[in-house]
C-alpha atoms as a PDB file:
ATOM      1  CA  UNK A   1     -58.727 152.194 -75.835  1.00  0.00           C
ATOM      2  CA  UNK A   2     -58.595 155.319 -77.672  1.00  0.00           C
ATOM      3  CA  UNK A   3     -62.379 156.365 -76.071  1.00  0.00           C
ATOM      4  CA  UNK A   4     -60.909 155.379 -72.521  1.00  0.00           C
ATOM      5  CA  UNK A   5     -57.606 157.619 -72.407  1.00  0.00           C
ATOM      6  CA  UNK A   6     -60.302 160.395 -73.966  1.00  0.00           C
ATOM      7  CA  UNK A   7     -62.627 159.866 -70.940  1.00  0.00           C
ATOM      8  CA  UNK A   8     -59.517 159.954 -68.362  1.00  0.00           C
ATOM      9  CA  UNK A   9     -58.470 163.247 -70.001  1.00  0.00           C
ATOM     10  CA  UNK A  10     -61.978 164.574 -69.462  1.00  0.00           C
ATOM     11  CA  UNK A  11     -61.840 163.540 -65.670  1.00  0.00           C
ATOM     12  CA  UNK A  12     -58.362 165.105 -65.249  1.00  0.00           C
ATOM     13  CA  UNK A  13     -59.864 168.259 -66.893  1.00  0.00           C
ATOM     14  CA  UNK A  14     -62.402 168.025 -64.667  1.00  0.00           C
ATOM     15  CA  UNK A  15     -60.366 167.593 -61.393  1.00  0.00           C
ATOM     16  CA  UNK A  16     -58.185 170.127 -62.682  1.00  0.00           C
ATOM     17  CA  UNK A  17     -60.929 172.838 -63.034  1.00  0.00           C
ATOM     18  CA  UNK A  18     -62.291 171.749 -59.545  1.00  0.00           C
ATOM     19  CA  UNK A  19     -59.193 172.244 -57.774  1.00  0.00           C
ATOM     20  CA  UNK A  20     -58.827 175.985 -59.839  1.00  0.00           C
ATOM     21  CA  UNK A  21     -62.279 177.031 -58.470  1.00  0.00           C
ATOM     22  CA  UNK A  22     -61.882 175.703 -55.078  1.00  0.00           C
ATOM     23  CA  UNK A  23     -58.477 177.825 -54.936  1.00  0.00           C
ATOM     24  CA  UNK A  24     -60.093 180.688 -56.343  1.00  0.00           C
ATOM     25  CA  UNK A  25     -62.903 180.302 -53.780  1.00  0.00           C
ATOM     26  CA  UNK A  26     -60.424 180.115 -51.171  1.00  0.00           C
ATOM     27  CA  UNK A  27     -58.395 183.285 -52.242  1.00  0.00           C
ATOM     28  CA  UNK A  28     -61.858 185.096 -52.297  1.00  0.00           C
ATOM     29  CA  UNK A  29     -62.551 184.047 -48.838  1.00  0.00           C
ATOM     30  CA  UNK A  30     -59.227 185.136 -47.231  1.00  0.00           C
ATOM     31  CA  UNK A  31     -59.388 188.534 -49.158  1.00  0.00           C
ATOM     32  CA  UNK A  32     -62.420 189.262 -47.721  1.00  0.00           C
ATOM     33  CA  UNK A  33     -61.282 187.974 -44.294  1.00  0.00           C
ATOM     34  CA  UNK A  34     -57.968 190.409 -44.502  1.00  0.00           C
ATOM     35  CA  UNK A  35     -60.384 193.094 -45.615  1.00  0.00           C
ATOM     36  CA  UNK A  36     -62.764 192.803 -42.813  1.00  0.00           C
ATOM     37  CA  UNK A  37     -59.831 192.603 -40.390  1.00  0.00           C
ATOM     38  CA  UNK A  38     -58.898 195.964 -41.564  1.00  0.00           C
ATOM     39  CA  UNK A  39     -62.340 197.425 -41.064  1.00  0.00           C
ATOM     40  CA  UNK A  40     -62.697 195.812 -37.676  1.00  0.00           C
ATOM     41  CA  UNK A  41     -59.000 196.753 -36.188  1.00  0.00           C
ATOM     42  CA  UNK A  42     -59.927 200.539 -36.952  1.00  0.00           C
ATOM     43  CA  UNK A  43     -63.713 199.919 -35.095  1.00  0.00           C
ATOM     44  CA  UNK A  44     -61.437 198.801 -32.134  1.00  0.00           C
ATOM     45  CA  UNK A  45     -59.117 201.855 -32.756  1.00  0.00           C
ATOM     46  CA  UNK A  46     -62.214 203.952 -32.619  1.00  0.00           C
ATOM     47  CA  UNK A  47     -63.781 202.858 -29.566  1.00  0.00           C
ATOM     48  CA  UNK A  48     -60.271 203.820 -27.447  1.00  0.00           C
ATOM     49  CA  UNK A  49     -59.493 207.004 -29.578  1.00  0.00           C
ATOM     50  CA  UNK A  50     -61.954 209.709 -28.971  1.00  0.00           C
ATOM     51  CA  UNK A  51     -60.145 212.142 -30.283  1.00  0.00           C
ATOM     52  CA  UNK A  52     -60.317 210.737 -33.620  1.00  0.00           C
ATOM     53  CA  UNK A  53     -63.158 208.267 -33.460  1.00  0.00           C
ATOM     54  CA  UNK A  54     -65.602 209.842 -35.963  1.00  0.00           C
ATOM     55  CA  UNK A  55     -62.929 210.193 -38.671  1.00  0.00           C
ATOM     56  CA  UNK A  56     -62.021 205.767 -37.748  1.00  0.00           C
ATOM     57  CA  UNK A  57     -65.691 205.188 -37.406  1.00  0.00           C
ATOM     58  CA  UNK A  58     -66.095 206.434 -40.786  1.00  0.00           C
ATOM     59  CA  UNK A  59     -63.015 204.742 -42.327  1.00  0.00           C
ATOM     60  CA  UNK A  60     -63.816 201.438 -40.957  1.00  0.00           C
ATOM     61  CA  UNK A  61     -67.652 201.689 -41.920  1.00  0.00           C
ATOM     62  CA  UNK A  62     -66.179 202.432 -45.468  1.00  0.00           C
ATOM     63  CA  UNK A  63     -64.189 199.124 -45.430  1.00  0.00           C
ATOM     64  CA  UNK A  64     -66.535 196.472 -44.132  1.00  0.00           C
ATOM     65  CA  UNK A  65     -69.251 197.851 -46.711  1.00  0.00           C
ATOM     66  CA  UNK A  66     -66.261 197.247 -49.284  1.00  0.00           C
ATOM     67  CA  UNK A  67     -65.698 194.276 -48.230  1.00  0.00           C
ATOM     68  CA  UNK A  68     -68.750 193.006 -49.195  1.00  0.00           C
ATOM     69  CA  UNK A  69     -67.918 193.514 -53.224  1.00  0.00           C
ATOM     70  CA  UNK A  70     -65.608 190.836 -52.908  1.00  0.00           C
ATOM     71  CA  UNK A  71     -68.477 188.471 -52.158  1.00  0.00           C
ATOM     72  CA  UNK A  72     -70.940 189.779 -54.370  1.00  0.00           C
ATOM     73  CA  UNK A  73     -72.093 187.048 -57.312  1.00  0.00           C
ATOM     74  CA  UNK A  74     -69.281 184.597 -56.439  1.00  0.00           C
ATOM     75  CA  UNK A  75     -69.033 181.500 -54.806  1.00  0.00           C
ATOM     76  CA  UNK A  76     -67.309 181.801 -51.695  1.00  0.00           C
ATOM     77  CA  UNK A  77     -66.724 180.187 -48.289  1.00  0.00           C
ATOM     78  CA  UNK A  78     -67.922 182.861 -45.854  1.00  0.00           C
ATOM     79  CA  UNK A  79     -71.330 182.011 -44.095  1.00  0.00           C
ATOM     80  CA  UNK A  80     -74.466 184.442 -44.357  1.00  0.00           C
ATOM     81  CA  UNK A  81     -74.520 185.407 -41.143  1.00  0.00           C
ATOM     82  CA  UNK A  82     -70.960 186.604 -40.861  1.00  0.00           C
ATOM     83  CA  UNK A  83     -71.394 188.448 -43.816  1.00  0.00           C
ATOM     84  CA  UNK A  84     -74.444 190.023 -42.736  1.00  0.00           C
ATOM     85  CA  UNK A  85     -72.695 190.366 -39.248  1.00  0.00           C
ATOM     86  CA  UNK A  86     -69.729 192.672 -41.161  1.00  0.00           C
ATOM     87  CA  UNK A  87     -71.779 194.748 -42.847  1.00  0.00           C
ATOM     88  CA  UNK A  88     -74.158 195.511 -40.101  1.00  0.00           C
ATOM     89  CA  UNK A  89     -71.048 196.647 -38.455  1.00  0.00           C
ATOM     90  CA  UNK A  90     -70.382 198.948 -41.476  1.00  0.00           C
ATOM     91  CA  UNK A  91     -73.693 200.341 -41.160  1.00  0.00           C
ATOM     92  CA  UNK A  92     -73.550 200.986 -37.524  1.00  0.00           C
ATOM     93  CA  UNK A  93     -70.055 202.229 -37.869  1.00  0.00           C
ATOM     94  CA  UNK A  94     -71.792 204.903 -40.380  1.00  0.00           C
ATOM     95  CA  UNK A  95     -74.020 206.179 -37.736  1.00  0.00           C
ATOM     96  CA  UNK A  96     -71.595 206.423 -35.035  1.00  0.00           C
ATOM     97  CA  UNK A  97     -69.920 208.364 -37.402  1.00  0.00           C
ATOM     98  CA  UNK A  98     -72.806 210.661 -38.046  1.00  0.00           C
ATOM     99  CA  UNK A  99     -72.821 209.922 -41.899  1.00  0.00           C
ATOM    100  CA  UNK A 100     -76.358 208.691 -41.987  1.00  0.00           C
ATOM    101  CA  UNK A 101     -76.791 209.206 -45.504  1.00  0.00           C
ATOM    102  CA  UNK A 102     -74.334 206.292 -46.340  1.00  0.00           C
ATOM    103  CA  UNK A 103     -75.954 204.709 -43.420  1.00  0.00           C
ATOM    104  CA  UNK A 104     -79.251 204.892 -44.636  1.00  0.00           C
ATOM    105  CA  UNK A 105     -78.058 203.899 -48.241  1.00  0.00           C
ATOM    106  CA  UNK A 106     -76.422 201.025 -46.802  1.00  0.00           C
ATOM    107  CA  UNK A 107     -79.419 199.749 -44.660  1.00  0.00           C
ATOM    108  CA  UNK A 108     -81.565 199.703 -47.622  1.00  0.00           C
ATOM    109  CA  UNK A 109     -79.009 197.405 -49.276  1.00  0.00           C
ATOM    110  CA  UNK A 110     -78.698 195.424 -46.018  1.00  0.00           C
ATOM    111  CA  UNK A 111     -82.515 194.344 -46.214  1.00  0.00           C
ATOM    112  CA  UNK A 112     -82.394 193.591 -49.572  1.00  0.00           C
ATOM    113  CA  UNK A 113     -79.426 191.560 -49.853  1.00  0.00           C
ATOM    114  CA  UNK A 114     -80.378 189.642 -45.958  1.00  0.00           C
ATOM    115  CA  UNK A 115     -83.673 188.003 -45.831  1.00  0.00           C
ATOM    116  CA  UNK A 116     -83.271 187.671 -41.839  1.00  0.00           C
ATOM    117  CA  UNK A 117     -82.541 189.988 -39.013  1.00  0.00           C
ATOM    118  CA  UNK A 118     -79.645 190.503 -36.376  1.00  0.00           C
ATOM    119  CA  UNK A 119     -80.217 190.316 -32.808  1.00  0.00           C
ATOM    120  CA  UNK A 120     -78.227 192.158 -30.205  1.00  0.00           C
ATOM    121  CA  UNK A 121     -77.471 191.012 -26.959  1.00  0.00           C
ATOM    122  CA  UNK A 122     -79.874 192.679 -25.130  1.00  0.00           C
ATOM    123  CA  UNK A 123     -82.936 190.950 -27.537  1.00  0.00           C
ATOM    124  CA  UNK A 124     -83.480 193.992 -29.787  1.00  0.00           C
ATOM    125  CA  UNK A 125     -83.436 193.755 -33.308  1.00  0.00           C
ATOM    126  CA  UNK A 126     -80.660 195.608 -35.403  1.00  0.00           C
ATOM    127  CA  UNK A 127     -83.315 196.401 -38.210  1.00  0.00           C
ATOM    128  CA  UNK A 128     -85.741 198.015 -35.580  1.00  0.00           C
ATOM    129  CA  UNK A 129     -82.740 199.886 -34.005  1.00  0.00           C
ATOM    130  CA  UNK A 130     -81.450 201.170 -37.496  1.00  0.00           C
ATOM    131  CA  UNK A 131     -84.758 202.407 -38.658  1.00  0.00           C
ATOM    132  CA  UNK A 132     -85.382 204.047 -35.753  1.00  0.00           C
ATOM    133  CA  UNK A 133     -82.242 205.921 -35.641  1.00  0.00           C
ATOM    134  CA  UNK A 134     -82.009 206.694 -39.406  1.00  0.00           C
ATOM    135  CA  UNK A 135     -85.831 207.836 -39.297  1.00  0.00           C
ATOM    136  CA  UNK A 136     -85.563 209.623 -35.535  1.00  0.00           C
ATOM    137  CA  UNK A 137     -86.720 212.712 -37.188  1.00  0.00           C
ATOM    138  CA  UNK A 138     -90.288 211.071 -37.617  1.00  0.00           C
ATOM    139  CA  UNK A 139     -91.742 210.926 -34.040  1.00  0.00           C
ATOM    140  CA  UNK A 140     -93.756 207.899 -33.107  1.00  0.00           C
ATOM    141  CA  UNK A 141     -96.118 207.664 -30.467  1.00  0.00           C
ATOM    142  CA  UNK A 142     -96.215 205.958 -27.400  1.00  0.00           C
ATOM    143  CA  UNK A 143     -97.804 202.957 -28.484  1.00  0.00           C
ATOM    144  CA  UNK A 144     -95.831 202.604 -31.718  1.00  0.00           C
ATOM    145  CA  UNK A 145     -92.891 202.920 -30.074  1.00  0.00           C
ATOM    146  CA  UNK A 146     -93.394 200.575 -27.404  1.00  0.00           C
ATOM    147  CA  UNK A 147     -94.010 198.217 -30.220  1.00  0.00           C
ATOM    148  CA  UNK A 148     -90.825 198.398 -32.143  1.00  0.00           C
ATOM    149  CA  UNK A 149     -88.247 195.735 -30.671  1.00  0.00           C
ATOM    150  CA  UNK A 150     -85.316 198.791 -30.263  1.00  0.00           C
ATOM    151  CA  UNK A 151     -83.133 199.027 -27.381  1.00  0.00           C
ATOM    152  CA  UNK A 152     -85.034 200.503 -24.284  1.00  0.00           C
ATOM    153  CA  UNK A 153     -81.976 203.137 -23.688  1.00  0.00           C
ATOM    154  CA  UNK A 154     -82.914 204.057 -27.303  1.00  0.00           C
ATOM    155  CA  UNK A 155     -86.113 204.402 -27.252  1.00  0.00           C
ATOM    156  CA  UNK A 156     -85.809 206.793 -24.079  1.00  0.00           C
ATOM    157  CA  UNK A 157     -83.571 208.936 -25.608  1.00  0.00           C
ATOM    158  CA  UNK A 158     -85.570 209.260 -28.496  1.00  0.00           C
ATOM    159  CA  UNK A 159     -88.614 210.416 -26.467  1.00  0.00           C
ATOM    160  CA  UNK A 160     -86.637 212.933 -24.596  1.00  0.00           C
ATOM    161  CA  UNK A 161     -85.563 214.598 -27.797  1.00  0.00           C
ATOM    162  CA  UNK A 162     -88.922 214.443 -29.249  1.00  0.00           C
ATOM    163  CA  UNK A 163     -90.497 215.774 -26.006  1.00  0.00           C
ATOM    164  CA  UNK A 164     -87.736 218.673 -26.256  1.00  0.00           C
ATOM    165  CA  UNK A 165     -88.369 219.275 -30.130  1.00  0.00           C
ATOM    166  CA  UNK A 166     -91.908 220.116 -29.680  1.00  0.00           C
ATOM    167  CA  UNK A 167     -91.083 223.259 -27.024  1.00  0.00           C
END
């Protein structure tokens, strides 16, 4: 009879430990979502407030990138796709704010952390667009530029900038 009681206690302990782990994961996920909401709210505000948009985009980027720290080496309920999109928005907002140093640093983290790309609605690649934007000082020839899966407006604008920088 003693072994049955002992076995029952082990089962109860395992159930309690499992419940605690699940609650921690849920709290971590809630904290991450709250953090992301703060970053996205600033992003929306930046899109509407042209006078303060640079600082708002920068603060949004800082928050969105920081949110990923909640998930580092933790078991959580957030999908990789959601995590990727939020981190990518942070990188985009660094670019929009003019902070290309932090954009480059976090873009390298993005490429190491995630094993896939994101696609914009126009079919262009997030990674290709960011590589083109963050390395715009290295002009590409027409053929190489045509082969990059980046936004056509972006490629046209970079061609124009490269053309006038040669003169």
